């Protein structure tokens, strides 16, 4: 299930001939196959040929339950992202950048093992940071940027 809203962003570029107005289309992505946004944000935004996902934690979209343990939460977060990317018209193989937020950097090796199997080569650029706390006291949250399929 995909529901999309289209908005327009106008910006001006200064050039030797004066300011030129540019209009960029953007659309929100929503799918029931990933947890619903619980605030004023979208599961993803498609703009200028890229998909920018919101962070996903390891909660089941059907039950809302958080998976147990870092491996299961990583797997579920990646499944949620895969669903959002598919709804946007992209895929995991089109991801160019990801950011992983860990509640405990000691979970890095376990997360990395699951991530490597699910994301595949060539691996996107990635940053991993430890944070003080994540929504619902999750162990992991992941966000991604992908290019659209041609």
C-alpha atoms as a PDB file:
ATOM      1  CA  UNK A   1       0.000   0.000   0.000  1.00  0.00           C
ATOM      2  CA  UNK A   2       1.481   3.306  -1.063  1.00  0.00           C
ATOM      3  CA  UNK A   3       0.073   6.725  -0.395  1.00  0.00           C
ATOM      4  CA  UNK A   4       2.011   9.668  -1.714  1.00  0.00           C
ATOM      5  CA  UNK A   5       1.614  13.392  -1.253  1.00  0.00           C
ATOM      6  CA  UNK A   6       3.316  15.758  -3.634  1.00  0.00           C
ATOM      7  CA  UNK A   7       4.622  19.125  -2.585  1.00  0.00           C
ATOM      8  CA  UNK A   8       6.689  21.712  -4.345  1.00  0.00           C
ATOM      9  CA  UNK A   9       9.732  23.508  -3.057  1.00  0.00           C
ATOM     10  CA  UNK A  10      10.801  26.667  -4.806  1.00  0.00           C
ATOM     11  CA  UNK A  11      14.300  28.030  -4.543  1.00  0.00           C
ATOM     12  CA  UNK A  12      16.290  30.663  -6.325  1.00  0.00           C
ATOM     13  CA  UNK A  13      19.706  30.319  -7.888  1.00  0.00           C
ATOM     14  CA  UNK A  14      21.820  33.346  -8.502  1.00  0.00           C
ATOM     15  CA  UNK A  15      23.569  33.384 -11.844  1.00  0.00           C
ATOM     16  CA  UNK A  16      25.239  35.937 -14.052  1.00  0.00           C
ATOM     17  CA  UNK A  17      21.866  36.708 -15.621  1.00  0.00           C
ATOM     18  CA  UNK A  18      19.965  37.137 -12.352  1.00  0.00           C
ATOM     19  CA  UNK A  19      17.905  34.922 -10.072  1.00  0.00           C
ATOM     20  CA  UNK A  20      16.301  31.912 -11.710  1.00  0.00           C
ATOM     21  CA  UNK A  21      13.427  30.136  -9.977  1.00  0.00           C
ATOM     22  CA  UNK A  22      13.571  26.340  -9.776  1.00  0.00           C
ATOM     23  CA  UNK A  23      10.756  24.069  -8.651  1.00  0.00           C
ATOM     24  CA  UNK A  24      11.464  20.679  -7.157  1.00  0.00           C
ATOM     25  CA  UNK A  25       8.846  17.998  -6.712  1.00  0.00           C
ATOM     26  CA  UNK A  26       8.869  15.961  -3.558  1.00  0.00           C
ATOM     27  CA  UNK A  27       6.539  13.271  -2.374  1.00  0.00           C
ATOM     28  CA  UNK A  28       5.976  11.499   0.889  1.00  0.00           C
ATOM     29  CA  UNK A  29       6.092   7.718   1.063  1.00  0.00           C
ATOM     30  CA  UNK A  30       3.835   5.665   3.297  1.00  0.00           C
ATOM     31  CA  UNK A  31       3.450   1.897   3.535  1.00  0.00           C
ATOM     32  CA  UNK A  32       1.615  -0.364   5.979  1.00  0.00           C
ATOM     33  CA  UNK A  33       4.543  -2.800   5.663  1.00  0.00           C
ATOM     34  CA  UNK A  34       6.635  -0.626   8.014  1.00  0.00           C
ATOM     35  CA  UNK A  35       5.692   1.024  11.316  1.00  0.00           C
ATOM     36  CA  UNK A  36       3.583   4.167  10.876  1.00  0.00           C
ATOM     37  CA  UNK A  37       5.157   7.519  11.599  1.00  0.00           C
ATOM     38  CA  UNK A  38       4.262   8.441  15.184  1.00  0.00           C
ATOM     39  CA  UNK A  39       4.907  12.155  14.799  1.00  0.00           C
ATOM     40  CA  UNK A  40       5.018  14.937  12.242  1.00  0.00           C
ATOM     41  CA  UNK A  41       7.340  13.150   9.803  1.00  0.00           C
ATOM     42  CA  UNK A  42       7.101  10.805   6.809  1.00  0.00           C
ATOM     43  CA  UNK A  43       8.428   7.267   6.493  1.00  0.00           C
ATOM     44  CA  UNK A  44      10.411   8.633   3.562  1.00  0.00           C
ATOM     45  CA  UNK A  45      10.582  11.537   1.148  1.00  0.00           C
ATOM     46  CA  UNK A  46      11.420  11.188  -2.539  1.00  0.00           C
ATOM     47  CA  UNK A  47      13.081  14.286  -3.999  1.00  0.00           C
ATOM     48  CA  UNK A  48      15.418  14.961  -6.924  1.00  0.00           C
ATOM     49  CA  UNK A  49      15.943  11.261  -7.705  1.00  0.00           C
ATOM     50  CA  UNK A  50      16.784  10.289  -4.115  1.00  0.00           C
ATOM     51  CA  UNK A  51      14.865   8.580  -1.312  1.00  0.00           C
ATOM     52  CA  UNK A  52      15.497   9.857   2.210  1.00  0.00           C
ATOM     53  CA  UNK A  53      14.115   7.476   4.825  1.00  0.00           C
ATOM     54  CA  UNK A  54      13.194   8.266   8.378  1.00  0.00           C
ATOM     55  CA  UNK A  55      14.971   6.169  10.971  1.00  0.00           C
ATOM     56  CA  UNK A  56      13.503   2.746  11.586  1.00  0.00           C
ATOM     57  CA  UNK A  57      13.774   0.764  14.794  1.00  0.00           C
ATOM     58  CA  UNK A  58      13.198  -2.963  15.111  1.00  0.00           C
ATOM     59  CA  UNK A  59       9.472  -2.941  15.750  1.00  0.00           C
ATOM     60  CA  UNK A  60       7.023  -5.189  13.928  1.00  0.00           C
ATOM     61  CA  UNK A  61       4.625  -3.098  11.792  1.00  0.00           C
ATOM     62  CA  UNK A  62       1.714  -5.485  12.433  1.00  0.00           C
ATOM     63  CA  UNK A  63       1.987  -5.884  16.221  1.00  0.00           C
ATOM     64  CA  UNK A  64       4.054  -2.853  17.192  1.00  0.00           C
ATOM     65  CA  UNK A  65       6.222  -5.111  19.341  1.00  0.00           C
ATOM     66  CA  UNK A  66       9.937  -4.442  19.549  1.00  0.00           C
ATOM     67  CA  UNK A  67      12.059  -7.460  18.589  1.00  0.00           C
ATOM     68  CA  UNK A  68      14.248  -9.019  21.295  1.00  0.00           C
ATOM     69  CA  UNK A  69      18.010  -8.515  21.123  1.00  0.00           C
ATOM     70  CA  UNK A  70      20.302  -6.579  18.825  1.00  0.00           C
ATOM     71  CA  UNK A  71      20.351  -9.153  15.997  1.00  0.00           C
ATOM     72  CA  UNK A  72      16.545  -9.384  15.812  1.00  0.00           C
ATOM     73  CA  UNK A  73      16.114  -5.613  16.092  1.00  0.00           C
ATOM     74  CA  UNK A  74      18.676  -5.031  13.340  1.00  0.00           C
ATOM     75  CA  UNK A  75      16.940  -7.579  11.101  1.00  0.00           C
ATOM     76  CA  UNK A  76      13.514  -6.003  11.697  1.00  0.00           C
ATOM     77  CA  UNK A  77      14.772  -2.439  11.212  1.00  0.00           C
ATOM     78  CA  UNK A  78      16.263  -3.489   7.858  1.00  0.00           C
ATOM     79  CA  UNK A  79      13.022  -5.259   6.854  1.00  0.00           C
ATOM     80  CA  UNK A  80      11.131  -2.052   7.678  1.00  0.00           C
ATOM     81  CA  UNK A  81      13.560  -0.007   5.583  1.00  0.00           C
ATOM     82  CA  UNK A  82      13.303  -2.484   2.721  1.00  0.00           C
ATOM     83  CA  UNK A  83       9.504  -2.045   2.744  1.00  0.00           C
ATOM     84  CA  UNK A  84       9.775   1.754   2.762  1.00  0.00           C
ATOM     85  CA  UNK A  85      12.319   1.708  -0.074  1.00  0.00           C
ATOM     86  CA  UNK A  86      10.110  -0.642  -2.129  1.00  0.00           C
ATOM     87  CA  UNK A  87       7.093   1.637  -1.585  1.00  0.00           C
ATOM     88  CA  UNK A  88       9.183   4.581  -2.790  1.00  0.00           C
ATOM     89  CA  UNK A  89      10.246   2.837  -6.010  1.00  0.00           C
ATOM     90  CA  UNK A  90      13.777   2.023  -4.876  1.00  0.00           C
ATOM     91  CA  UNK A  91      15.471  -0.908  -3.131  1.00  0.00           C
ATOM     92  CA  UNK A  92      18.246  -1.923  -0.758  1.00  0.00           C
ATOM     93  CA  UNK A  93      20.583  -2.373  -3.735  1.00  0.00           C
ATOM     94  CA  UNK A  94      20.159   1.346  -4.504  1.00  0.00           C
ATOM     95  CA  UNK A  95      21.174   2.587  -1.030  1.00  0.00           C
ATOM     96  CA  UNK A  96      24.137   4.979  -1.169  1.00  0.00           C
ATOM     97  CA  UNK A  97      24.347   6.080   2.488  1.00  0.00           C
ATOM     98  CA  UNK A  98      23.140   4.751   5.810  1.00  0.00           C
ATOM     99  CA  UNK A  99      23.410   5.933   9.368  1.00  0.00           C
ATOM    100  CA  UNK A 100      23.214   3.459  12.235  1.00  0.00           C
ATOM    101  CA  UNK A 101      22.408   4.660  15.744  1.00  0.00           C
ATOM    102  CA  UNK A 102      23.317   2.188  18.492  1.00  0.00           C
ATOM    103  CA  UNK A 103      22.328   2.410  22.134  1.00  0.00           C
ATOM    104  CA  UNK A 104      25.492   0.423  22.969  1.00  0.00           C
ATOM    105  CA  UNK A 105      28.592   0.362  20.768  1.00  0.00           C
ATOM    106  CA  UNK A 106      29.361  -3.086  22.243  1.00  0.00           C
ATOM    107  CA  UNK A 107      26.579  -4.332  19.907  1.00  0.00           C
ATOM    108  CA  UNK A 108      28.513  -3.185  16.832  1.00  0.00           C
ATOM    109  CA  UNK A 109      29.877  -6.609  15.772  1.00  0.00           C
ATOM    110  CA  UNK A 110      26.486  -8.335  16.049  1.00  0.00           C
ATOM    111  CA  UNK A 111      24.743  -5.498  14.191  1.00  0.00           C
ATOM    112  CA  UNK A 112      27.442  -5.480  11.530  1.00  0.00           C
ATOM    113  CA  UNK A 113      27.043  -9.209  10.851  1.00  0.00           C
ATOM    114  CA  UNK A 114      23.285  -8.883  10.211  1.00  0.00           C
ATOM    115  CA  UNK A 115      23.751  -5.641   8.260  1.00  0.00           C
ATOM    116  CA  UNK A 116      26.366  -7.179   5.927  1.00  0.00           C
ATOM    117  CA  UNK A 117      24.043 -10.071   5.018  1.00  0.00           C
ATOM    118  CA  UNK A 118      20.974  -7.875   4.430  1.00  0.00           C
ATOM    119  CA  UNK A 119      22.500  -4.869   2.663  1.00  0.00           C
ATOM    120  CA  UNK A 120      24.960  -6.581   0.326  1.00  0.00           C
ATOM    121  CA  UNK A 121      27.832  -5.420  -1.821  1.00  0.00           C
ATOM    122  CA  UNK A 122      28.760  -2.865  -2.943  1.00  0.00           C
ATOM    123  CA  UNK A 123      28.101  -1.588   0.542  1.00  0.00           C
ATOM    124  CA  UNK A 124      26.803   1.967   0.910  1.00  0.00           C
ATOM    125  CA  UNK A 125      28.772   4.598   2.770  1.00  0.00           C
ATOM    126  CA  UNK A 126      27.871   4.318   6.441  1.00  0.00           C
ATOM    127  CA  UNK A 127      28.228   6.124   9.739  1.00  0.00           C
ATOM    128  CA  UNK A 128      27.624   4.393  13.060  1.00  0.00           C
ATOM    129  CA  UNK A 129      27.245   6.328  16.275  1.00  0.00           C
ATOM    130  CA  UNK A 130      26.366   5.502  19.844  1.00  0.00           C
ATOM    131  CA  UNK A 131      23.486   7.539  21.244  1.00  0.00           C
ATOM    132  CA  UNK A 132      22.213   8.084  24.770  1.00  0.00           C
ATOM    133  CA  UNK A 133      18.723   6.746  24.080  1.00  0.00           C
ATOM    134  CA  UNK A 134      16.474   5.660  21.193  1.00  0.00           C
ATOM    135  CA  UNK A 135      12.660   5.647  20.855  1.00  0.00           C
ATOM    136  CA  UNK A 136      11.011   2.901  22.915  1.00  0.00           C
ATOM    137  CA  UNK A 137      14.475   2.136  24.358  1.00  0.00           C
ATOM    138  CA  UNK A 138      15.353   0.319  21.137  1.00  0.00           C
ATOM    139  CA  UNK A 139      18.888  -0.978  20.740  1.00  0.00           C
ATOM    140  CA  UNK A 140      19.229   0.310  17.154  1.00  0.00           C
ATOM    141  CA  UNK A 141      17.794   2.780  14.663  1.00  0.00           C
ATOM    142  CA  UNK A 142      18.831   2.973  11.002  1.00  0.00           C
ATOM    143  CA  UNK A 143      18.151   5.588   8.325  1.00  0.00           C
ATOM    144  CA  UNK A 144      19.091   5.421   4.659  1.00  0.00           C
ATOM    145  CA  UNK A 145      19.484   7.472   1.487  1.00  0.00           C
ATOM    146  CA  UNK A 146      18.937   5.670  -1.820  1.00  0.00           C
ATOM    147  CA  UNK A 147      18.789   6.593  -5.489  1.00  0.00           C
ATOM    148  CA  UNK A 148      15.628   5.859  -7.418  1.00  0.00           C
ATOM    149  CA  UNK A 149      15.561   2.897  -9.795  1.00  0.00           C
ATOM    150  CA  UNK A 150      15.978   3.916 -13.417  1.00  0.00           C
END
